[in-house]
Amino acid sequence: MKANIKVGQVASVPINSLEAYPTNPRRGDIDAIALSLKAHGQYRPIVVQYGTNYILAGNHTYKAAKKLGWKKIKITYIEVDEQTAKKIVLADNRLTDLAGYNEPLLKSLLQALPELDGTGFTASEVEILDRLTSGEEKSSIASKPLPNDPEVKISA
């Protein structure tokens, strides 16, 4: 399998030829990811360490795809040493934690959809977001106006 796939090239490989990174500290919502895969397919490849076949980024996508019974999955091989592999696993997980949302823009995008299937958001979360951005709960949040590009950090 590896002989025909160049490092950096996107390829579709047998899912059983890969292994989840053995010490990945992140725990993901496999069911939510499976719903997204079912609704949208795999729109980005997972990242695999060449030589070990360990998944460095996309461990939960891999697990969700296996749960759905997929036989193949899209990957990109990268050639890195073990220390760099560990750093990539940690960076992939942590950088997601550090991301934030522009709440009014998020609300607008979510409310424009006919349904939320595969987005990872629920109707009750959209209702909470609506209350937060409409001012109904301003007194409990803050009395000053929102900045031009408000962000909220959501993490575990």
Protein backbone atom coordinates (compact mmCIF):
# COMPACT_ATOMS: atom_id res chain seq x y z
CA MET A 1 0.00 0.00 0.00
CA LYS A 2 2.60 2.60 1.05
CA ALA A 3 4.86 2.04 -1.96
CA ASN A 4 2.25 3.55 -4.30
CA ILE A 5 1.41 6.56 -2.12
CA LYS A 6 3.75 9.53 -1.92
CA VAL A 7 4.19 11.55 1.25
CA GLY A 8 1.83 14.51 1.07
CA GLN A 9 -0.45 12.89 -1.51
CA VAL A 10 -4.13 12.34 -0.67
CA ALA A 11 -5.08 8.69 -1.13
CA SER A 12 -7.92 6.36 -0.26
CA VAL A 13 -6.65 3.42 1.80
CA PRO A 14 -8.21 0.42 3.55
CA ILE A 15 -9.39 1.66 6.94
CA ASN A 16 -8.11 -1.49 8.66
CA SER A 17 -4.54 -0.66 7.55
CA LEU A 18 -4.45 2.31 9.95
CA GLU A 19 -4.15 2.59 13.71
CA ALA A 20 -5.41 5.25 16.10
CA TYR A 21 -2.53 7.05 17.80
CA PRO A 22 -1.92 4.91 20.91
CA THR A 23 -1.53 7.78 23.39
CA ASN A 24 -3.97 10.34 21.97
CA PRO A 25 -5.28 12.13 25.08
CA ARG A 26 -8.31 13.63 23.31
CA ARG A 27 -11.77 12.11 23.64
CA GLY A 28 -14.20 13.02 20.89
CA ASP A 29 -17.88 12.65 20.23
CA ILE A 30 -17.75 9.73 17.80
CA ASP A 31 -21.54 9.75 17.32
CA ALA A 32 -21.58 13.45 16.32
CA ILE A 33 -18.68 12.91 13.92
CA ALA A 34 -20.43 9.86 12.45
CA LEU A 35 -23.55 12.00 11.85
CA SER A 36 -21.43 14.57 10.06
CA LEU A 37 -19.71 11.90 7.94
CA LYS A 38 -23.07 10.41 7.07
CA ALA A 39 -24.50 13.81 6.10
CA HIS A 40 -21.48 15.29 4.30
CA GLY A 41 -18.97 12.51 3.64
CA GLN A 42 -15.28 12.93 4.41
CA TYR A 43 -14.36 16.42 3.24
CA ARG A 44 -10.78 16.42 4.55
CA PRO A 45 -8.26 13.60 4.76
CA ILE A 46 -6.88 12.34 8.05
CA VAL A 47 -3.13 12.71 8.64
CA VAL A 48 -1.09 9.52 9.00
CA GLN A 49 2.55 9.04 10.01
CA TYR A 50 4.37 7.32 7.17
CA GLY A 51 6.01 4.10 8.31
CA THR A 52 3.88 3.51 11.41
CA ASN A 53 0.39 4.08 9.96
CA TYR A 54 -0.52 5.90 13.19
CA ILE A 55 -3.17 8.58 12.78
CA LEU A 56 -1.82 11.93 13.98
CA ALA A 57 -4.84 14.08 13.10
CA GLY A 58 -8.30 12.63 12.59
CA ASN A 59 -8.39 9.79 15.13
CA HIS A 60 -12.06 10.37 15.89
CA THR A 61 -12.97 10.69 12.21
CA TYR A 62 -11.30 7.29 11.74
CA LYS A 63 -13.26 5.79 14.66
CA ALA A 64 -16.54 7.26 13.39
CA ALA A 65 -15.87 5.92 9.87
CA LYS A 66 -15.16 2.47 11.31
CA LYS A 67 -18.40 2.67 13.30
CA LEU A 68 -20.24 3.45 10.05
CA GLY A 69 -18.68 0.38 8.43
CA TRP A 70 -16.48 2.24 5.95
CA LYS A 71 -13.91 0.04 4.21
CA LYS A 72 -11.71 2.90 2.94
CA ILE A 73 -10.80 6.38 4.16
CA LYS A 74 -8.92 9.34 2.66
CA ILE A 75 -5.52 10.03 4.19
CA THR A 76 -2.42 12.14 3.71
CA TYR A 77 0.89 10.62 4.77
CA ILE A 78 3.49 12.79 6.44
CA GLU A 79 7.02 11.69 7.23
CA VAL A 80 8.01 12.83 10.73
CA ASP A 81 9.99 11.51 13.68
CA GLU A 82 8.26 10.31 16.86
CA GLN A 83 8.75 13.56 18.78
CA THR A 84 7.22 15.60 15.95
CA ALA A 85 4.37 13.07 15.69
CA LYS A 86 3.55 13.62 19.37
CA LYS A 87 3.62 17.39 18.88
CA ILE A 88 1.27 17.14 15.90
CA VAL A 89 -1.21 15.04 17.89
CA LEU A 90 -1.16 17.57 20.73
CA ALA A 91 -1.32 20.62 18.42
CA ASP A 92 -4.21 19.17 16.42
CA ASN A 93 -6.19 18.70 19.62
CA ARG A 94 -5.22 21.87 21.47
CA LEU A 95 -5.56 24.34 18.61
CA THR A 96 -9.19 23.30 18.25
CA ASP A 97 -9.71 24.15 21.93
CA LEU A 98 -8.29 27.62 21.41
CA ALA A 99 -10.65 28.54 18.57
CA GLY A 100 -13.55 30.87 19.18
CA TYR A 101 -16.73 31.97 17.43
CA ASN A 102 -18.09 35.25 16.18
CA GLU A 103 -21.48 34.69 17.88
CA PRO A 104 -23.67 36.90 15.64
CA LEU A 105 -22.17 35.34 12.50
CA LEU A 106 -22.55 31.82 13.92
CA LYS A 107 -26.18 32.54 14.81
CA SER A 108 -26.82 33.86 11.30
CA LEU A 109 -25.30 30.78 9.65
CA LEU A 110 -27.16 28.32 11.88
CA GLN A 111 -30.52 30.07 11.54
CA ALA A 112 -30.17 30.16 7.74
CA LEU A 113 -30.07 26.36 7.58
CA PRO A 114 -33.30 24.41 7.03
CA GLU A 115 -32.08 21.78 9.54
CA LEU A 116 -29.00 21.22 11.69
CA ASP A 117 -28.24 17.57 10.81
CA GLY A 118 -24.51 16.92 10.64
CA THR A 119 -23.45 20.33 12.00
CA GLY A 120 -22.77 19.26 15.58
CA PHE A 121 -25.18 21.93 16.83
CA THR A 122 -28.59 21.37 18.41
CA ALA A 123 -31.74 23.48 18.27
CA SER A 124 -31.42 24.21 21.99
CA GLU A 125 -27.88 25.54 21.44
CA VAL A 126 -29.17 27.82 18.68
CA GLU A 127 -31.87 29.09 21.06
CA ILE A 128 -29.26 29.85 23.73
CA LEU A 129 -27.10 31.59 21.13
CA ASP A 130 -30.12 33.60 20.01
CA ARG A 131 -30.80 34.74 23.60
CA LEU A 132 -27.14 35.62 24.13
CA THR A 133 -26.89 37.70 20.98
CA SER A 134 -30.35 39.31 21.09
CA GLY A 135 -29.80 40.94 24.46
CA GLU A 136 -32.28 38.92 26.52
CA GLU A 137 -29.46 37.82 28.78
CA LYS A 138 -27.23 40.89 28.48
CA SER A 139 -27.49 41.74 32.15
CA SER A 140 -26.12 38.36 33.13
CA ILE A 141 -23.30 38.49 30.58
CA ALA A 142 -22.07 42.07 30.56
CA SER A 143 -23.44 45.57 30.38
CA LYS A 144 -20.91 46.85 27.81
CA PRO A 145 -21.51 46.45 24.04
CA LEU A 146 -19.95 43.59 22.10
CA PRO A 147 -16.71 44.32 20.20
CA ASN A 148 -16.81 44.36 16.39
CA ASP A 149 -15.53 40.78 16.20
CA PRO A 150 -16.79 39.08 19.36
CA GLU A 151 -15.39 35.67 20.17
CA VAL A 152 -16.39 32.99 22.60
CA LYS A 153 -13.98 30.21 23.41
CA ILE A 154 -15.71 26.86 23.71
CA SER A 155 -13.67 24.00 25.13
CA ALA A 156 -13.91 20.97 27.36
